Protein backbone atom coordinates (compact mmCIF):
# COMPACT_ATOMS: atom_id res chain seq x y z
CA UNK A 1 124.07 88.87 111.62
CA UNK A 2 121.04 88.99 109.32
CA UNK A 3 118.09 86.88 110.22
CA UNK A 4 117.55 84.22 107.46
CA UNK A 5 114.20 82.71 108.70
CA UNK A 6 112.14 85.74 107.13
CA UNK A 7 113.99 85.40 103.84
CA UNK A 8 113.42 81.51 103.58
CA UNK A 9 109.73 81.29 105.02
CA UNK A 10 108.12 82.74 101.91
CA UNK A 11 109.29 79.71 99.72
CA UNK A 12 107.27 77.09 101.60
CA UNK A 13 104.30 79.39 101.85
CA UNK A 14 104.23 79.89 98.11
CA UNK A 15 104.94 76.15 97.24
CA UNK A 16 102.75 74.60 99.72
CA UNK A 17 99.72 76.96 98.65
CA UNK A 18 100.47 76.14 95.01
CA UNK A 19 100.67 72.48 95.53
CA UNK A 20 97.17 72.60 97.30
CA UNK A 21 95.80 74.33 94.22
CA UNK A 22 97.52 72.04 91.74
CA UNK A 23 96.24 69.08 93.72
CA UNK A 24 92.77 70.46 93.79
CA UNK A 25 92.82 71.07 90.03
CA UNK A 26 94.13 67.47 89.40
CA UNK A 27 91.00 66.15 91.37
CA UNK A 28 88.59 68.42 89.35
CA UNK A 29 90.11 67.83 85.78
CA UNK A 30 90.38 64.01 84.86
CA UNK A 31 91.64 64.78 81.34
CA UNK A 32 94.63 66.75 82.86
CA UNK A 33 95.16 64.75 86.11
CA UNK A 34 98.52 62.98 84.88
CA UNK A 35 100.14 66.26 83.62
CA UNK A 36 99.07 68.09 86.97
CA UNK A 37 100.48 65.00 89.01
CA UNK A 38 103.82 65.56 87.39
CA UNK A 39 103.74 69.36 88.24
CA UNK A 40 102.50 68.43 91.79
CA UNK A 41 105.44 66.12 92.23
CA UNK A 42 107.98 68.60 91.59
CA UNK A 43 106.33 71.31 93.54
CA UNK A 44 105.85 69.07 96.65
CA UNK A 45 109.60 67.92 96.47
CA UNK A 46 110.70 71.80 96.44
CA UNK A 47 108.10 72.46 99.08
CA UNK A 48 109.41 69.72 101.37
CA UNK A 49 112.93 70.95 100.95
CA UNK A 50 111.91 74.72 101.74
CA UNK A 51 109.67 73.82 104.62
CA UNK A 52 112.53 71.97 106.38
CA UNK A 53 115.00 74.87 105.62
CA UNK A 54 112.27 77.37 107.10
CA UNK A 55 111.90 75.07 110.14
CA UNK A 56 115.47 74.80 110.81
CA UNK A 57 116.36 78.53 110.19
CA UNK A 58 113.47 79.29 112.67
CA UNK A 59 114.85 76.99 115.47
CA UNK A 60 118.47 78.41 114.82
CA UNK A 61 117.35 81.97 115.17
CA UNK A 62 115.34 80.98 118.42
CA UNK A 63 118.45 79.16 119.70
CA UNK A 64 120.57 82.06 118.89
CA UNK A 65 118.13 84.37 121.03
CA UNK A 66 115.63 86.77 119.71
CA UNK A 67 114.94 89.82 121.92
CA UNK A 68 111.34 89.54 123.09
CA UNK A 69 108.85 90.05 125.74
CA UNK A 70 106.20 87.79 127.30
CA UNK A 71 103.50 88.62 124.64
CA UNK A 72 105.94 87.88 121.74
CA UNK A 73 107.00 84.74 123.64
CA UNK A 74 103.54 83.48 123.81
CA UNK A 75 102.99 83.89 120.22
CA UNK A 76 106.41 82.37 119.41
CA UNK A 77 105.43 79.10 121.22
CA UNK A 78 102.40 78.63 119.09
CA UNK A 79 104.21 79.55 115.82
CA UNK A 80 106.92 77.11 116.78
CA UNK A 81 104.52 74.28 117.41
CA UNK A 82 102.75 75.06 114.35
CA UNK A 83 106.09 74.96 112.37
CA UNK A 84 106.53 71.42 113.64
CA UNK A 85 103.11 70.14 112.60
CA UNK A 86 103.22 71.87 109.19
CA UNK A 87 106.63 70.38 108.49
CA UNK A 88 105.83 67.06 109.53
CA UNK A 89 102.56 66.84 107.57
CA UNK A 90 104.03 68.20 104.37
CA UNK A 91 107.10 66.06 104.43
CA UNK A 92 104.88 62.98 105.24
CA UNK A 93 102.38 63.99 102.41
CA UNK A 94 105.43 64.37 100.08
CA UNK A 95 106.78 60.87 100.96
CA UNK A 96 103.45 59.41 100.36
CA UNK A 97 103.14 61.08 97.01
CA UNK A 98 106.73 60.11 95.97
CA UNK A 99 106.28 56.44 96.96
CA UNK A 100 102.91 56.13 95.32
CA UNK A 101 103.30 58.62 92.52
CA UNK A 102 102.36 56.33 89.58
CA UNK A 103 99.71 54.35 91.49
CA UNK A 104 97.75 57.27 92.76
CA UNK A 105 94.16 57.22 91.54
CA UNK A 106 91.23 59.72 92.08
CA UNK A 107 90.27 58.45 95.66
CA UNK A 108 93.88 58.61 96.94
CA UNK A 109 94.54 62.13 95.35
CA UNK A 110 91.35 63.40 96.90
CA UNK A 111 92.62 62.26 100.27
CA UNK A 112 95.99 63.93 99.60
CA UNK A 113 94.36 67.14 98.45
CA UNK A 114 92.13 67.24 101.70
CA UNK A 115 95.44 66.82 103.76
CA UNK A 116 96.98 69.54 101.80
CA UNK A 117 94.05 71.84 102.32
CA UNK A 118 94.09 71.15 106.16
CA UNK A 119 97.95 71.72 106.13
CA UNK A 120 97.65 74.94 103.99
CA UNK A 121 94.98 76.22 106.56
CA UNK A 122 97.33 75.79 109.49
CA UNK A 123 100.22 77.28 107.47
CA UNK A 124 98.15 80.49 106.74
CA UNK A 125 97.49 80.89 110.62
CA UNK A 126 101.20 80.23 111.18
CA UNK A 127 102.00 82.85 108.64
CA UNK A 128 99.63 85.42 110.36
CA UNK A 129 101.21 84.86 113.59
CA UNK A 130 104.69 85.22 112.09
CA UNK A 131 103.48 88.63 110.61
CA UNK A 132 102.09 89.62 113.83
CA UNK A 133 105.21 89.10 115.80
CA UNK A 134 107.11 91.36 113.22
CA UNK A 135 104.55 93.96 112.31
CA UNK A 136 102.61 94.38 115.56
CA UNK A 137 105.12 93.47 118.22
CA UNK A 138 108.35 94.36 116.59
CA UNK A 139 110.19 91.18 116.81
CA UNK A 140 113.69 91.33 115.23
CA UNK A 141 113.06 94.88 113.99
CA UNK A 142 115.38 97.62 114.51
CA UNK A 143 113.66 100.50 116.38
CA UNK A 144 113.34 102.59 113.17
CA UNK A 145 110.86 105.08 114.61
CA UNK A 146 113.45 106.07 117.36
CA UNK A 147 116.33 106.06 114.80
CA UNK A 148 114.53 108.33 112.45
CA UNK A 149 113.42 110.83 115.22
CA UNK A 150 116.97 110.96 116.46
CA UNK A 151 118.45 111.72 113.03
CA UNK A 152 119.36 115.53 112.44
CA UNK A 153 116.31 116.78 110.63
CA UNK A 154 114.67 113.40 110.41
CA UNK A 155 114.01 111.32 107.02
CA UNK A 156 112.74 113.08 103.99
CA UNK A 157 109.34 111.28 104.52
CA UNK A 158 109.17 112.79 108.00
CA UNK A 159 110.17 116.37 106.78
CA UNK A 160 107.32 116.17 103.95
CA UNK A 161 104.77 114.87 106.48
CA UNK A 162 105.80 117.97 108.91
CA UNK A 163 105.43 120.36 105.97
CA UNK A 164 101.99 118.87 104.94
CA UNK A 165 100.86 119.25 108.50
CA UNK A 166 102.03 122.86 108.83
CA UNK A 167 100.42 123.60 105.55
CA UNK A 168 97.02 122.03 106.74
CA UNK A 169 97.29 124.13 109.95
CA UNK A 170 98.07 127.45 108.11
CA UNK A 171 95.09 126.71 105.91
CA UNK A 172 93.00 126.12 108.89
CA UNK A 173 94.12 129.28 110.78
CA UNK A 174 93.65 131.29 107.43
CA UNK A 175 90.10 129.96 107.05
CA UNK A 176 89.27 130.51 110.82
CA UNK A 177 90.58 134.20 110.49
CA UNK A 178 88.57 134.77 107.26
CA UNK A 179 85.47 133.34 109.14
CA UNK A 180 86.13 135.49 112.06
CA UNK A 181 86.32 138.79 109.92
CA UNK A 182 83.15 137.80 107.76
CA UNK A 183 81.24 137.23 111.21
CA UNK A 184 82.43 140.63 112.30
CA UNK A 185 81.38 142.29 109.31
CA UNK A 186 77.93 140.74 109.47
CA UNK A 187 77.69 141.71 113.00
CA UNK A 188 78.56 145.28 112.15
CA UNK A 189 75.96 145.45 109.38
CA UNK A 190 73.43 144.16 111.73
CA UNK A 191 74.20 146.64 114.32
CA UNK A 192 74.14 149.43 111.78
CA UNK A 193 70.67 148.31 110.48
CA UNK A 194 69.34 148.22 114.04
CA UNK A 195 70.70 151.83 114.67
CA UNK A 196 68.80 153.18 111.54
């Protein structure tokens, strides 16, 4: 069965970071504040839905059992904890914004923006850990290198790389032979010069 968490997780990342930016712009630009608050309202609702989907998809895959070692397990524990923190914070900020939408003034919007910046910072670190689990530790990734090496003739990319390496080796050998023959010629000229 395909893993769904990696497919879903990009939505809350994009929406939460966008919400933070829009909120920051609403604080800065008084003349555009009301329009930006409407945009922020919808982004935060979509963000809250997507962050809940990301959390539950991650918990589902964890319960289903992802093959991992101790190093991955340690990263996974922190990633899961941060997932709970991010989801709770973002859902609470969204509820606060939805309830107070029309009454929110500059000072309250500034506080919401600061909370969003803090939550986004945690989100960026959690995304880094998620990437580390996949790209450095290979969590949930089929062993493609072994698969490629076992294929008859390997992949086209592998064949191209091998051809490039052979070509470079031939060039090196050729320049080495040319260098040796030049050295021998110089040596024989020097010997002849001394004999005269």
